[in-house]
Amino acid sequence: MRKYEVIFILRPDLDEEKNTEVIEKFKALIESHGGEVLKLDKWGKRRLAYEVKDYREGLYILIQMKAESKVATELDRVFKITDEVLRHMIIREDE
């Protein structure tokens, strides 16, 4: 298994309950595909460098995980079809 760093930005107009629901959805997806969440860090609401989908701010979430590459591929696919996610990035860390 490889180490990955996943960062994604959620829409700022979501309530706390919906934010938690979306974060748990991604955490469950990682674990159900055999991955392991090492660290989950909520950075909070921050100003974006440029406007994304008519939003000037976003809620930043960082996940560090150990998983196979198929988990990263599936996570990328689900990020793309989730309306609450403005942007995402998955980075494989070097060993």
C-alpha atoms as a PDB file:
ATOM      1  CA  MET A   1       0.000   0.000   0.000  1.00  0.00           C
ATOM      2  CA  ARG A   2       1.084   3.532  -0.748  1.00  0.00           C
ATOM      3  CA  LYS A   3       0.648   6.762   1.180  1.00  0.00           C
ATOM      4  CA  TYR A   4      -1.564   9.443  -0.315  1.00  0.00           C
ATOM      5  CA  GLU A   5      -2.485  12.966   0.638  1.00  0.00           C
ATOM      6  CA  VAL A   6      -5.976  14.032  -0.393  1.00  0.00           C
ATOM      7  CA  ILE A   7      -7.193  17.605  -0.147  1.00  0.00           C
ATOM      8  CA  PHE A   8     -10.629  18.755  -1.162  1.00  0.00           C
ATOM      9  CA  ILE A   9     -12.657  21.933  -0.878  1.00  0.00           C
ATOM     10  CA  LEU A  10     -16.334  21.842   0.062  1.00  0.00           C
ATOM     11  CA  ARG A  11     -18.924  24.516  -0.669  1.00  0.00           C
ATOM     12  CA  PRO A  12     -19.021  27.112   2.140  1.00  0.00           C
ATOM     13  CA  ASP A  13     -22.838  27.367   2.222  1.00  0.00           C
ATOM     14  CA  LEU A  14     -23.335  23.848   3.607  1.00  0.00           C
ATOM     15  CA  ASP A  15     -24.387  23.403   7.221  1.00  0.00           C
ATOM     16  CA  GLU A  16     -22.174  21.553   9.720  1.00  0.00           C
ATOM     17  CA  GLU A  17     -24.270  18.375   9.546  1.00  0.00           C
ATOM     18  CA  LYS A  18     -23.973  18.141   5.743  1.00  0.00           C
ATOM     19  CA  ASN A  19     -20.206  18.821   5.920  1.00  0.00           C
ATOM     20  CA  THR A  20     -19.757  15.964   8.388  1.00  0.00           C
ATOM     21  CA  GLU A  21     -21.915  13.696   6.224  1.00  0.00           C
ATOM     22  CA  VAL A  22     -19.817  14.357   3.106  1.00  0.00           C
ATOM     23  CA  ILE A  23     -16.508  13.888   4.987  1.00  0.00           C
ATOM     24  CA  GLU A  24     -17.736  10.600   6.490  1.00  0.00           C
ATOM     25  CA  LYS A  25     -18.827   9.469   3.022  1.00  0.00           C
ATOM     26  CA  PHE A  26     -15.268   9.810   1.698  1.00  0.00           C
ATOM     27  CA  LYS A  27     -13.744   8.286   4.822  1.00  0.00           C
ATOM     28  CA  ALA A  28     -16.092   5.277   4.515  1.00  0.00           C
ATOM     29  CA  LEU A  29     -15.264   4.941   0.807  1.00  0.00           C
ATOM     30  CA  ILE A  30     -11.536   4.728   1.575  1.00  0.00           C
ATOM     31  CA  GLU A  31     -12.038   2.154   4.334  1.00  0.00           C
ATOM     32  CA  SER A  32     -14.533   0.024   2.380  1.00  0.00           C
ATOM     33  CA  HIS A  33     -12.004  -0.382  -0.460  1.00  0.00           C
ATOM     34  CA  GLY A  34      -9.262  -1.590   1.897  1.00  0.00           C
ATOM     35  CA  GLY A  35      -7.580   1.744   2.587  1.00  0.00           C
ATOM     36  CA  GLU A  36      -6.640   3.214   5.946  1.00  0.00           C
ATOM     37  CA  VAL A  37      -7.209   6.830   7.006  1.00  0.00           C
ATOM     38  CA  LEU A  38      -4.108   7.956   8.895  1.00  0.00           C
ATOM     39  CA  LYS A  39      -5.151  11.543   9.584  1.00  0.00           C
ATOM     40  CA  LEU A  40      -8.190  13.698   8.896  1.00  0.00           C
ATOM     41  CA  ASP A  41      -7.664  17.428   9.318  1.00  0.00           C
ATOM     42  CA  LYS A  42     -10.320  20.138   8.892  1.00  0.00           C
ATOM     43  CA  TRP A  43      -8.589  23.399   7.982  1.00  0.00           C
ATOM     44  CA  GLY A  44     -11.793  25.394   8.091  1.00  0.00           C
ATOM     45  CA  LYS A  45     -13.190  28.067   5.808  1.00  0.00           C
ATOM     46  CA  ARG A  46     -10.624  29.945   3.722  1.00  0.00           C
ATOM     47  CA  ARG A  47     -10.673  32.413   0.884  1.00  0.00           C
ATOM     48  CA  LEU A  48     -10.032  30.922  -2.558  1.00  0.00           C
ATOM     49  CA  ALA A  49      -7.365  32.356  -4.847  1.00  0.00           C
ATOM     50  CA  TYR A  50      -9.976  32.728  -7.582  1.00  0.00           C
ATOM     51  CA  GLU A  51     -13.713  32.224  -7.918  1.00  0.00           C
ATOM     52  CA  VAL A  52     -14.793  28.584  -8.348  1.00  0.00           C
ATOM     53  CA  LYS A  53     -18.414  27.851  -9.348  1.00  0.00           C
ATOM     54  CA  ASP A  54     -19.424  31.337  -8.105  1.00  0.00           C
ATOM     55  CA  TYR A  55     -17.846  30.797  -4.654  1.00  0.00           C
ATOM     56  CA  ARG A  56     -15.101  32.987  -3.140  1.00  0.00           C
ATOM     57  CA  GLU A  57     -14.553  30.779  -0.041  1.00  0.00           C
ATOM     58  CA  GLY A  58     -14.414  27.075   0.650  1.00  0.00           C
ATOM     59  CA  LEU A  59     -14.063  24.599   3.492  1.00  0.00           C
ATOM     60  CA  TYR A  60     -10.703  22.819   3.209  1.00  0.00           C
ATOM     61  CA  ILE A  61     -10.318  19.170   4.295  1.00  0.00           C
ATOM     62  CA  LEU A  62      -7.048  17.178   4.310  1.00  0.00           C
ATOM     63  CA  ILE A  63      -6.914  13.377   4.516  1.00  0.00           C
ATOM     64  CA  GLN A  64      -3.711  11.351   4.755  1.00  0.00           C
ATOM     65  CA  MET A  65      -4.257   7.700   3.871  1.00  0.00           C
ATOM     66  CA  LYS A  66      -2.596   4.413   3.006  1.00  0.00           C
ATOM     67  CA  ALA A  67      -4.241   2.603   0.123  1.00  0.00           C
ATOM     68  CA  GLU A  68      -3.832   0.841  -3.206  1.00  0.00           C
ATOM     69  CA  SER A  69      -3.934   2.902  -6.393  1.00  0.00           C
ATOM     70  CA  LYS A  70      -7.438   1.618  -7.236  1.00  0.00           C
ATOM     71  CA  VAL A  71      -8.740   3.374  -4.106  1.00  0.00           C
ATOM     72  CA  ALA A  72      -7.272   6.696  -5.285  1.00  0.00           C
ATOM     73  CA  THR A  73      -8.867   6.162  -8.714  1.00  0.00           C
ATOM     74  CA  GLU A  74     -12.281   5.439  -7.183  1.00  0.00           C
ATOM     75  CA  LEU A  75     -11.960   8.406  -4.820  1.00  0.00           C
ATOM     76  CA  ASP A  76     -11.148  10.676  -7.771  1.00  0.00           C
ATOM     77  CA  ARG A  77     -14.230   9.415  -9.642  1.00  0.00           C
ATOM     78  CA  VAL A  78     -16.535  10.052  -6.668  1.00  0.00           C
ATOM     79  CA  PHE A  79     -15.060  13.538  -6.048  1.00  0.00           C
ATOM     80  CA  LYS A  80     -15.913  14.476  -9.633  1.00  0.00           C
ATOM     81  CA  ILE A  81     -19.585  13.500  -9.294  1.00  0.00           C
ATOM     82  CA  THR A  82     -20.168  14.972  -5.821  1.00  0.00           C
ATOM     83  CA  ASP A  83     -21.875  18.371  -6.036  1.00  0.00           C
ATOM     84  CA  GLU A  84     -20.621  19.555  -2.631  1.00  0.00           C
ATOM     85  CA  VAL A  85     -16.946  19.354  -3.711  1.00  0.00           C
ATOM     86  CA  LEU A  86     -15.569  22.436  -5.485  1.00  0.00           C
ATOM     87  CA  ARG A  87     -12.003  21.145  -6.083  1.00  0.00           C
ATOM     88  CA  HIS A  88      -9.905  18.154  -5.105  1.00  0.00           C
ATOM     89  CA  MET A  89      -6.342  16.887  -5.432  1.00  0.00           C
ATOM     90  CA  ILE A  90      -4.854  13.453  -4.703  1.00  0.00           C
ATOM     91  CA  ILE A  91      -1.069  13.277  -4.289  1.00  0.00           C
ATOM     92  CA  ARG A  92       0.977  10.116  -3.862  1.00  0.00           C
ATOM     93  CA  GLU A  93       3.730  10.624  -1.298  1.00  0.00           C
ATOM     94  CA  ASP A  94       7.181   9.243  -2.051  1.00  0.00           C
ATOM     95  CA  GLU A  95       8.479   6.521   0.201  1.00  0.00           C
END
